[in-house]
Amino acid sequence: MARNLGGAIGIAACATILNDRTNLHFLRLADHLNATNTALTELMTRVGAIYSDAMGGDTVAGQTAAFKQLWVLTWREAQVQTFSDAVWIIFVCFVIATAMVPLMRKVAPPKAPTADAH
């Protein structure tokens, strides 16, 4: 039961880390994606033009497709950073667990069964 409970807590903790950190990294990346970012403006203009040409000259649809691609790229990069954070946290937990091994004591089995054993 302890193994199952520990696994459930570990999975829940990892899921929480992945969810919260993805949102955090996405928002941090999105803060830099604004109209004052000249590199982004130039990229969106070029990508929007490519999509507009591919869609028969529809500029609005081209810009919408460019923004969708920007969102996908930003989300992907946020997830990469999140999984990096998760691996780092797991590494720290393993280092702590390894450092605690010398503090454990070996439990010896009882010499004889107890009197109330069935």
N, C-alpha and C. Protein backbone atom coordinates (compact mmCIF):
# COMPACT_ATOMS: atom_id res chain seq x y z
N MET A 1 0.82 -1.18 0.00
CA MET A 1 0.00 0.00 0.00
C MET A 1 0.88 1.26 0.00
N ALA A 2 1.96 1.22 0.75
CA ALA A 2 2.84 2.39 0.81
C ALA A 2 3.46 2.66 -0.56
N ARG A 3 3.80 1.60 -1.29
CA ARG A 3 4.38 1.78 -2.63
C ARG A 3 3.37 2.43 -3.56
N ASN A 4 2.13 1.97 -3.53
CA ASN A 4 1.10 2.56 -4.38
C ASN A 4 0.81 4.01 -4.00
N LEU A 5 0.76 4.27 -2.71
CA LEU A 5 0.50 5.63 -2.25
C LEU A 5 1.66 6.55 -2.63
N GLY A 6 2.89 6.08 -2.46
CA GLY A 6 4.05 6.89 -2.84
C GLY A 6 4.07 7.16 -4.34
N GLY A 7 3.72 6.14 -5.14
CA GLY A 7 3.67 6.33 -6.58
C GLY A 7 2.59 7.33 -6.98
N ALA A 8 1.44 7.24 -6.33
CA ALA A 8 0.35 8.17 -6.63
C ALA A 8 0.74 9.61 -6.27
N ILE A 9 1.39 9.77 -5.14
CA ILE A 9 1.82 11.11 -4.73
C ILE A 9 2.89 11.64 -5.69
N GLY A 10 3.81 10.77 -6.08
CA GLY A 10 4.85 11.18 -7.03
C GLY A 10 4.28 11.59 -8.37
N ILE A 11 3.34 10.80 -8.87
CA ILE A 11 2.71 11.14 -10.15
C ILE A 11 1.92 12.45 -10.05
N ALA A 12 1.21 12.61 -8.95
CA ALA A 12 0.44 13.85 -8.76
C ALA A 12 1.37 15.06 -8.66
N ALA A 13 2.50 14.89 -7.96
CA ALA A 13 3.45 16.00 -7.83
C ALA A 13 4.05 16.34 -9.19
N CYS A 14 4.43 15.32 -9.96
CA CYS A 14 4.99 15.59 -11.30
C CYS A 14 3.96 16.25 -12.21
N ALA A 15 2.73 15.80 -12.15
CA ALA A 15 1.68 16.41 -12.98
C ALA A 15 1.46 17.87 -12.60
N THR A 16 1.48 18.15 -11.31
CA THR A 16 1.32 19.53 -10.86
C THR A 16 2.48 20.39 -11.32
N ILE A 17 3.69 19.87 -11.19
CA ILE A 17 4.87 20.62 -11.65
C ILE A 17 4.78 20.88 -13.15
N LEU A 18 4.44 19.86 -13.92
CA LEU A 18 4.35 20.03 -15.37
C LEU A 18 3.29 21.06 -15.75
N ASN A 19 2.15 21.00 -15.09
CA ASN A 19 1.06 21.92 -15.41
C ASN A 19 1.42 23.36 -15.04
N ASP A 20 1.86 23.55 -13.81
CA ASP A 20 2.13 24.91 -13.34
C ASP A 20 3.34 25.53 -14.04
N ARG A 21 4.39 24.75 -14.22
CA ARG A 21 5.59 25.30 -14.83
C ARG A 21 5.38 25.58 -16.32
N THR A 22 4.56 24.76 -16.99
CA THR A 22 4.27 25.04 -18.41
C THR A 22 3.57 26.39 -18.54
N ASN A 23 2.58 26.62 -17.69
CA ASN A 23 1.89 27.91 -17.73
C ASN A 23 2.84 29.06 -17.41
N LEU A 24 3.70 28.87 -16.42
CA LEU A 24 4.65 29.92 -16.05
C LEU A 24 5.60 30.23 -17.20
N HIS A 25 6.19 29.20 -17.79
CA HIS A 25 7.13 29.43 -18.89
C HIS A 25 6.43 30.02 -20.11
N PHE A 26 5.21 29.57 -20.39
CA PHE A 26 4.48 30.12 -21.53
C PHE A 26 4.22 31.61 -21.33
N LEU A 27 3.79 31.99 -20.14
CA LEU A 27 3.52 33.40 -19.88
C LEU A 27 4.80 34.23 -19.94
N ARG A 28 5.89 33.69 -19.44
CA ARG A 28 7.16 34.42 -19.51
C ARG A 28 7.62 34.60 -20.96
N LEU A 29 7.47 33.56 -21.76
CA LEU A 29 7.83 33.69 -23.17
C LEU A 29 6.89 34.65 -23.89
N ALA A 30 5.61 34.58 -23.57
CA ALA A 30 4.62 35.44 -24.22
C ALA A 30 4.83 36.91 -23.88
N ASP A 31 5.42 37.19 -22.70
CA ASP A 31 5.70 38.58 -22.34
C ASP A 31 6.65 39.25 -23.33
N HIS A 32 7.51 38.46 -23.95
CA HIS A 32 8.47 39.02 -24.89
C HIS A 32 7.92 39.08 -26.32
N LEU A 33 6.76 38.52 -26.53
CA LEU A 33 6.16 38.51 -27.87
C LEU A 33 5.15 39.65 -27.97
N ASN A 34 5.64 40.84 -28.26
CA ASN A 34 4.76 42.00 -28.38
C ASN A 34 5.20 42.86 -29.55
N ALA A 35 4.49 43.92 -29.79
CA ALA A 35 4.73 44.76 -30.97
C ALA A 35 6.06 45.50 -30.90
N THR A 36 6.65 45.64 -29.72
CA THR A 36 7.93 46.34 -29.62
C THR A 36 9.10 45.44 -29.98
N ASN A 37 8.87 44.16 -30.12
CA ASN A 37 9.92 43.22 -30.51
C ASN A 37 10.04 43.24 -32.03
N THR A 38 11.06 43.93 -32.53
CA THR A 38 11.20 44.11 -33.98
C THR A 38 11.47 42.80 -34.70
N ALA A 39 12.24 41.92 -34.09
CA ALA A 39 12.52 40.63 -34.74
C ALA A 39 11.23 39.83 -34.90
N LEU A 40 10.37 39.88 -33.90
CA LEU A 40 9.09 39.18 -33.98
C LEU A 40 8.20 39.80 -35.05
N THR A 41 8.18 41.12 -35.11
CA THR A 41 7.35 41.80 -36.10
C THR A 41 7.78 41.44 -37.52
N GLU A 42 9.09 41.41 -37.74
CA GLU A 42 9.59 41.04 -39.07
C GLU A 42 9.26 39.58 -39.39
N LEU A 43 9.43 38.70 -38.40
CA LEU A 43 9.12 37.28 -38.60
C LEU A 43 7.64 37.09 -38.93
N MET A 44 6.77 37.76 -38.18
CA MET A 44 5.33 37.60 -38.40
C MET A 44 4.92 38.16 -39.77
N THR A 45 5.58 39.22 -40.20
CA THR A 45 5.29 39.76 -41.52
C THR A 45 5.67 38.77 -42.62
N ARG A 46 6.88 38.20 -42.50
CA ARG A 46 7.33 37.23 -43.51
C ARG A 46 6.47 35.96 -43.50
N VAL A 47 6.21 35.41 -42.31
CA VAL A 47 5.43 34.17 -42.23
C VAL A 47 3.99 34.43 -42.66
N GLY A 48 3.45 35.59 -42.27
CA GLY A 48 2.09 35.94 -42.70
C GLY A 48 1.99 36.05 -44.21
N ALA A 49 3.02 36.61 -44.83
CA ALA A 49 3.03 36.72 -46.30
C ALA A 49 3.10 35.35 -46.95
N ILE A 50 3.89 34.46 -46.39
CA ILE A 50 3.99 33.10 -46.94
C ILE A 50 2.64 32.39 -46.85
N TYR A 51 2.00 32.49 -45.69
CA TYR A 51 0.69 31.85 -45.54
C TYR A 51 -0.37 32.52 -46.40
N SER A 52 -0.28 33.84 -46.54
CA SER A 52 -1.25 34.55 -47.39
C SER A 52 -1.15 34.09 -48.84
N ASP A 53 0.07 33.94 -49.31
CA ASP A 53 0.27 33.44 -50.68
C ASP A 53 -0.27 32.02 -50.82
N ALA A 54 -0.05 31.21 -49.80
CA ALA A 54 -0.51 29.82 -49.86
C ALA A 54 -2.03 29.73 -49.80
N MET A 55 -2.68 30.76 -49.23
CA MET A 55 -4.13 30.74 -49.09
C MET A 55 -4.83 31.60 -50.14
N GLY A 56 -4.17 31.85 -51.22
CA GLY A 56 -4.79 32.57 -52.31
C GLY A 56 -4.85 34.07 -52.12
N GLY A 57 -3.94 34.64 -51.34
CA GLY A 57 -3.89 36.08 -51.16
C GLY A 57 -4.72 36.61 -50.01
N ASP A 58 -5.31 35.75 -49.21
CA ASP A 58 -6.11 36.18 -48.06
C ASP A 58 -5.17 36.59 -46.92
N THR A 59 -5.03 37.90 -46.73
CA THR A 59 -4.09 38.43 -45.75
C THR A 59 -4.49 38.11 -44.32
N VAL A 60 -5.79 38.21 -44.04
CA VAL A 60 -6.27 37.95 -42.68
C VAL A 60 -6.04 36.48 -42.31
N ALA A 61 -6.36 35.58 -43.21
CA ALA A 61 -6.16 34.15 -42.94
C ALA A 61 -4.67 33.85 -42.81
N GLY A 62 -3.83 34.53 -43.60
CA GLY A 62 -2.39 34.35 -43.51
C GLY A 62 -1.83 34.79 -42.17
N GLN A 63 -2.29 35.95 -41.70
CA GLN A 63 -1.83 36.43 -40.39
C GLN A 63 -2.35 35.54 -39.27
N THR A 64 -3.58 35.06 -39.40
CA THR A 64 -4.14 34.14 -38.39
C THR A 64 -3.32 32.86 -38.32
N ALA A 65 -2.96 32.32 -39.47
CA ALA A 65 -2.14 31.11 -39.51
C ALA A 65 -0.76 31.37 -38.93
N ALA A 66 -0.22 32.55 -39.19
CA ALA A 66 1.10 32.89 -38.63
C ALA A 66 1.03 32.97 -37.11
N PHE A 67 -0.02 33.56 -36.58
CA PHE A 67 -0.18 33.65 -35.13
C PHE A 67 -0.40 32.27 -34.51
N LYS A 68 -1.10 31.39 -35.20
CA LYS A 68 -1.27 30.03 -34.70
C LYS A 68 0.07 29.31 -34.63
N GLN A 69 0.89 29.51 -35.65
CA GLN A 69 2.22 28.89 -35.65
C GLN A 69 3.09 29.47 -34.54
N LEU A 70 2.97 30.76 -34.29
CA LEU A 70 3.72 31.38 -33.20
C LEU A 70 3.28 30.79 -31.87
N TRP A 71 1.98 30.59 -31.69
CA TRP A 71 1.46 30.00 -30.45
C TRP A 71 2.01 28.59 -30.27
N VAL A 72 1.99 27.79 -31.34
CA VAL A 72 2.48 26.41 -31.27
C VAL A 72 3.97 26.40 -30.90
N LEU A 73 4.74 27.27 -31.52
CA LEU A 73 6.17 27.35 -31.23
C LEU A 73 6.42 27.77 -29.78
N THR A 74 5.68 28.75 -29.31
CA THR A 74 5.84 29.22 -27.94
C THR A 74 5.45 28.13 -26.95
N TRP A 75 4.36 27.43 -27.21
CA TRP A 75 3.91 26.34 -26.33
C TRP A 75 4.95 25.23 -26.28
N ARG A 76 5.51 24.89 -27.44
CA ARG A 76 6.52 23.84 -27.50
C ARG A 76 7.75 24.21 -26.67
N GLU A 77 8.20 25.44 -26.81
CA GLU A 77 9.37 25.88 -26.05
C GLU A 77 9.08 25.92 -24.55
N ALA A 78 7.87 26.30 -24.18
CA ALA A 78 7.49 26.30 -22.76
C ALA A 78 7.51 24.87 -22.22
N GLN A 79 7.05 23.91 -23.00
CA GLN A 79 7.07 22.52 -22.56
C GLN A 79 8.49 21.99 -22.44
N VAL A 80 9.38 22.39 -23.34
CA VAL A 80 10.77 21.96 -23.25
C VAL A 80 11.38 22.47 -21.94
N GLN A 81 11.14 23.73 -21.63
CA GLN A 81 11.67 24.29 -20.38
C GLN A 81 11.05 23.60 -19.17
N THR A 82 9.77 23.25 -19.26
CA THR A 82 9.08 22.59 -18.16
C THR A 82 9.65 21.20 -17.91
N PHE A 83 9.86 20.43 -18.95
CA PHE A 83 10.42 19.09 -18.76
C PHE A 83 11.86 19.18 -18.24
N SER A 84 12.58 20.21 -18.62
CA SER A 84 13.91 20.43 -18.07
C SER A 84 13.81 20.68 -16.56
N ASP A 85 12.85 21.49 -16.15
CA ASP A 85 12.63 21.73 -14.72
C ASP A 85 12.26 20.45 -13.99
N ALA A 86 11.38 19.65 -14.59
CA ALA A 86 10.93 18.41 -13.95
C ALA A 86 12.08 17.43 -13.77
N VAL A 87 12.93 17.29 -14.79
CA VAL A 87 14.08 16.40 -14.68
C VAL A 87 15.03 16.91 -13.60
N TRP A 88 15.21 18.21 -13.52
CA TRP A 88 16.06 18.79 -12.49
C TRP A 88 15.51 18.49 -11.09
N ILE A 89 14.22 18.63 -10.91
CA ILE A 89 13.60 18.36 -9.60
C ILE A 89 13.73 16.88 -9.24
N ILE A 90 13.53 16.00 -10.20
CA ILE A 90 13.70 14.57 -9.95
C ILE A 90 15.14 14.27 -9.57
N PHE A 91 16.10 14.90 -10.26
CA PHE A 91 17.51 14.73 -9.94
C PHE A 91 17.80 15.15 -8.50
N VAL A 92 17.28 16.29 -8.09
CA VAL A 92 17.51 16.77 -6.72
C VAL A 92 16.92 15.78 -5.71
N CYS A 93 15.72 15.25 -6.01
CA CYS A 93 15.11 14.27 -5.10
C CYS A 93 15.97 13.01 -4.99
N PHE A 94 16.53 12.54 -6.09
CA PHE A 94 17.41 11.36 -6.05
C PHE A 94 18.69 11.65 -5.28
N VAL A 95 19.25 12.84 -5.42
CA VAL A 95 20.45 13.20 -4.68
C VAL A 95 20.16 13.21 -3.18
N ILE A 96 19.03 13.78 -2.80
CA ILE A 96 18.65 13.81 -1.38
C ILE A 96 18.43 12.40 -0.86
N ALA A 97 17.74 11.57 -1.64
CA ALA A 97 17.49 10.19 -1.21
C ALA A 97 18.80 9.42 -1.07
N THR A 98 19.73 9.64 -1.99
CA THR A 98 21.03 8.96 -1.92
C THR A 98 21.81 9.43 -0.71
N ALA A 99 21.75 10.71 -0.41
CA ALA A 99 22.46 11.24 0.76
C ALA A 99 21.87 10.70 2.06
N MET A 100 20.61 10.32 2.06
CA MET A 100 19.96 9.81 3.27
C MET A 100 20.22 8.32 3.51
N VAL A 101 20.76 7.61 2.54
CA VAL A 101 21.00 6.17 2.68
C VAL A 101 21.87 5.85 3.90
N PRO A 102 22.98 6.55 4.16
CA PRO A 102 23.78 6.21 5.34
C PRO A 102 23.04 6.42 6.66
N LEU A 103 22.00 7.20 6.65
CA LEU A 103 21.25 7.45 7.88
C LEU A 103 20.26 6.33 8.20
N MET A 104 20.05 5.43 7.26
CA MET A 104 19.09 4.34 7.48
C MET A 104 19.75 3.24 8.30
N ARG A 105 18.94 2.57 9.08
CA ARG A 105 19.47 1.43 9.85
C ARG A 105 18.83 0.17 9.33
N LYS A 106 19.56 -0.91 9.44
CA LYS A 106 19.07 -2.19 8.96
C LYS A 106 18.14 -2.78 10.02
N VAL A 107 17.00 -3.26 9.58
CA VAL A 107 16.03 -3.85 10.50
C VAL A 107 16.28 -5.35 10.50
N ALA A 108 16.52 -5.89 11.68
CA ALA A 108 16.76 -7.33 11.81
C ALA A 108 15.43 -8.05 12.02
N PRO A 109 15.29 -9.22 11.41
CA PRO A 109 14.05 -9.97 11.64
C PRO A 109 14.00 -10.48 13.07
N PRO A 110 12.81 -10.68 13.62
CA PRO A 110 12.73 -11.18 15.00
C PRO A 110 13.30 -12.61 15.09
N LYS A 111 13.89 -12.95 16.26
CA LYS A 111 14.51 -14.25 16.46
C LYS A 111 13.48 -15.37 16.50
N ALA A 112 12.37 -15.09 17.12
CA ALA A 112 11.32 -16.10 17.25
C ALA A 112 9.98 -15.41 17.05
N PRO A 113 8.97 -16.16 16.61
CA PRO A 113 7.65 -15.53 16.47
C PRO A 113 7.13 -15.03 17.81
N THR A 114 6.34 -13.98 17.74
CA THR A 114 5.78 -13.44 18.95
C THR A 114 4.73 -14.40 19.51
N ALA A 115 4.39 -14.20 20.77
CA ALA A 115 3.47 -15.11 21.45
C ALA A 115 2.06 -15.05 20.88
N ASP A 116 1.67 -13.91 20.38
CA ASP A 116 0.31 -13.80 19.84
C ASP A 116 0.23 -14.06 18.35
N ALA A 117 1.29 -14.61 17.73
CA ALA A 117 1.28 -14.93 16.31
C ALA A 117 0.34 -16.09 16.03
N HIS A 118 -0.29 -16.10 14.95
CA HIS A 118 -1.26 -17.17 14.62
C HIS A 118 -0.59 -18.27 13.88
